[in-house]
Amino acid sequence: MVKELVSESAANSLQLANAIRLGNIAQALELGDRLINCNEPALKITAIYSTRLNYLILWVGV
């Protein structure tokens, strides 16, 4: 039932954010590519990347 309510791109967006948080570059790039192939807006993908980057810089101190 959950799969019917949550789109694949929403789940991939969360996976993308998690891969970025963990520093898994290969997985993040693969998920980003998958999102683009699913016609996810590029601006939304960029927002995910920038949000995670801001988090890492401001809160983690990378």
N, C-alpha and C. Protein backbone atom coordinates (compact mmCIF):
# COMPACT_ATOMS: atom_id res chain seq x y z
N MET A 1 0.82 -1.20 0.00
CA MET A 1 0.00 0.00 0.00
C MET A 1 0.87 1.26 0.00
N VAL A 2 1.98 1.24 0.72
CA VAL A 2 2.84 2.41 0.77
C VAL A 2 3.42 2.70 -0.61
N LYS A 3 3.84 1.66 -1.33
CA LYS A 3 4.40 1.86 -2.67
C LYS A 3 3.41 2.55 -3.59
N GLU A 4 2.13 2.29 -3.40
CA GLU A 4 1.11 2.92 -4.23
C GLU A 4 0.99 4.41 -3.92
N LEU A 5 1.28 4.80 -2.68
CA LEU A 5 1.12 6.19 -2.27
C LEU A 5 2.37 7.03 -2.52
N VAL A 6 3.54 6.41 -2.46
CA VAL A 6 4.79 7.13 -2.62
C VAL A 6 5.37 6.79 -3.98
N SER A 7 5.65 7.83 -4.75
CA SER A 7 6.20 7.60 -6.08
C SER A 7 7.64 7.12 -5.98
N GLU A 8 8.10 6.48 -7.04
CA GLU A 8 9.47 6.00 -7.07
C GLU A 8 10.45 7.15 -6.95
N SER A 9 10.13 8.28 -7.56
CA SER A 9 11.05 9.41 -7.50
C SER A 9 11.15 9.98 -6.09
N ALA A 10 10.06 9.92 -5.32
CA ALA A 10 10.13 10.40 -3.94
C ALA A 10 11.04 9.51 -3.11
N ALA A 11 10.91 8.20 -3.30
CA ALA A 11 11.77 7.27 -2.58
C ALA A 11 13.21 7.45 -3.01
N ASN A 12 13.46 7.63 -4.30
CA ASN A 12 14.82 7.83 -4.79
C ASN A 12 15.40 9.15 -4.30
N SER A 13 14.57 10.16 -4.14
CA SER A 13 15.05 11.44 -3.62
C SER A 13 15.56 11.27 -2.19
N LEU A 14 14.84 10.50 -1.41
CA LEU A 14 15.28 10.25 -0.03
C LEU A 14 16.55 9.40 -0.02
N GLN A 15 16.63 8.43 -0.92
CA GLN A 15 17.84 7.62 -1.02
C GLN A 15 19.02 8.47 -1.47
N LEU A 16 18.76 9.39 -2.37
CA LEU A 16 19.81 10.29 -2.85
C LEU A 16 20.34 11.14 -1.70
N ALA A 17 19.45 11.71 -0.91
CA ALA A 17 19.86 12.51 0.23
C ALA A 17 20.68 11.68 1.21
N ASN A 18 20.28 10.44 1.42
CA ASN A 18 21.00 9.57 2.33
C ASN A 18 22.39 9.21 1.78
N ALA A 19 22.47 8.93 0.49
CA ALA A 19 23.77 8.62 -0.13
C ALA A 19 24.72 9.80 -0.02
N ILE A 20 24.20 11.00 -0.19
CA ILE A 20 25.03 12.19 -0.06
C ILE A 20 25.51 12.33 1.39
N ARG A 21 24.60 12.11 2.32
CA ARG A 21 24.95 12.21 3.74
C ARG A 21 26.05 11.23 4.11
N LEU A 22 25.99 10.03 3.55
CA LEU A 22 26.98 9.00 3.85
C LEU A 22 28.27 9.16 3.05
N GLY A 23 28.26 10.08 2.09
CA GLY A 23 29.44 10.28 1.26
C GLY A 23 29.63 9.23 0.20
N ASN A 24 28.56 8.52 -0.15
CA ASN A 24 28.62 7.48 -1.17
C ASN A 24 28.39 8.12 -2.53
N ILE A 25 29.47 8.58 -3.14
CA ILE A 25 29.39 9.35 -4.38
C ILE A 25 28.84 8.52 -5.53
N ALA A 26 29.32 7.29 -5.66
CA ALA A 26 28.87 6.44 -6.78
C ALA A 26 27.36 6.20 -6.71
N GLN A 27 26.86 5.89 -5.53
CA GLN A 27 25.42 5.66 -5.38
C GLN A 27 24.64 6.95 -5.62
N ALA A 28 25.15 8.07 -5.13
CA ALA A 28 24.47 9.35 -5.32
C ALA A 28 24.35 9.69 -6.80
N LEU A 29 25.44 9.47 -7.54
CA LEU A 29 25.40 9.75 -8.97
C LEU A 29 24.44 8.82 -9.70
N GLU A 30 24.44 7.55 -9.30
CA GLU A 30 23.51 6.59 -9.93
C GLU A 30 22.06 6.98 -9.65
N LEU A 31 21.77 7.35 -8.42
CA LEU A 31 20.41 7.75 -8.07
C LEU A 31 20.02 9.04 -8.78
N GLY A 32 20.96 9.98 -8.89
CA GLY A 32 20.68 11.21 -9.62
C GLY A 32 20.37 10.92 -11.08
N ASP A 33 21.12 10.02 -11.67
CA ASP A 33 20.87 9.61 -13.06
C ASP A 33 19.50 8.95 -13.19
N ARG A 34 19.16 8.11 -12.23
CA ARG A 34 17.86 7.44 -12.25
C ARG A 34 16.72 8.46 -12.14
N LEU A 35 16.91 9.47 -11.29
CA LEU A 35 15.88 10.50 -11.15
C LEU A 35 15.70 11.28 -12.45
N ILE A 36 16.81 11.59 -13.12
CA ILE A 36 16.73 12.29 -14.40
C ILE A 36 15.99 11.43 -15.43
N ASN A 37 16.30 10.14 -15.45
CA ASN A 37 15.63 9.23 -16.39
C ASN A 37 14.14 9.06 -16.09
N CYS A 38 13.74 9.32 -14.84
CA CYS A 38 12.32 9.26 -14.46
C CYS A 38 11.64 10.62 -14.65
N ASN A 39 12.33 11.53 -15.36
CA ASN A 39 11.81 12.88 -15.64
C ASN A 39 11.58 13.71 -14.39
N GLU A 40 12.40 13.48 -13.38
CA GLU A 40 12.36 14.32 -12.18
C GLU A 40 12.94 15.68 -12.55
N PRO A 41 12.32 16.78 -12.14
CA PRO A 41 12.85 18.10 -12.49
C PRO A 41 14.28 18.29 -11.96
N ALA A 42 15.15 18.80 -12.83
CA ALA A 42 16.54 19.01 -12.46
C ALA A 42 16.67 19.97 -11.28
N LEU A 43 15.77 20.94 -11.19
CA LEU A 43 15.82 21.89 -10.08
C LEU A 43 15.60 21.19 -8.75
N LYS A 44 14.71 20.21 -8.73
CA LYS A 44 14.45 19.46 -7.49
C LYS A 44 15.68 18.65 -7.10
N ILE A 45 16.34 18.03 -8.07
CA ILE A 45 17.54 17.25 -7.79
C ILE A 45 18.64 18.18 -7.26
N THR A 46 18.79 19.34 -7.88
CA THR A 46 19.77 20.32 -7.42
C THR A 46 19.46 20.78 -6.01
N ALA A 47 18.19 20.96 -5.70
CA ALA A 47 17.80 21.38 -4.36
C ALA A 47 18.18 20.33 -3.32
N ILE A 48 18.03 19.07 -3.67
CA ILE A 48 18.42 17.99 -2.75
C ILE A 48 19.91 18.05 -2.49
N TYR A 49 20.70 18.17 -3.56
CA TYR A 49 22.16 18.26 -3.41
C TYR A 49 22.54 19.45 -2.55
N SER A 50 21.99 20.62 -2.86
CA SER A 50 22.41 21.83 -2.14
C SER A 50 21.96 21.80 -0.68
N THR A 51 20.80 21.24 -0.41
CA THR A 51 20.33 21.14 0.97
C THR A 51 21.26 20.26 1.78
N ARG A 52 21.65 19.11 1.23
CA ARG A 52 22.55 18.21 1.94
C ARG A 52 23.93 18.84 2.10
N LEU A 53 24.40 19.56 1.10
CA LEU A 53 25.70 20.21 1.19
C LEU A 53 25.68 21.28 2.28
N ASN A 54 24.62 22.07 2.31
CA ASN A 54 24.50 23.09 3.36
C ASN A 54 24.48 22.45 4.74
N TYR A 55 23.78 21.34 4.88
CA TYR A 55 23.73 20.64 6.15
C TYR A 55 25.13 20.20 6.56
N LEU A 56 25.87 19.61 5.63
CA LEU A 56 27.21 19.13 5.94
C LEU A 56 28.14 20.28 6.35
N ILE A 57 28.03 21.39 5.65
CA ILE A 57 28.92 22.53 5.94
C ILE A 57 28.55 23.19 7.25
N LEU A 58 27.25 23.44 7.47
CA LEU A 58 26.83 24.22 8.64
C LEU A 58 26.78 23.41 9.92
N TRP A 59 26.33 22.16 9.84
CA TRP A 59 26.08 21.39 11.05
C TRP A 59 27.14 20.36 11.35
N VAL A 60 27.73 19.78 10.35
CA VAL A 60 28.73 18.74 10.56
C VAL A 60 30.13 19.33 10.58
N GLY A 61 30.31 20.42 9.86
CA GLY A 61 31.59 21.09 9.83
C GLY A 61 32.58 20.47 8.86
N VAL A 62 32.07 20.03 7.72
CA VAL A 62 32.95 19.42 6.71
C VAL A 62 33.80 20.50 6.07
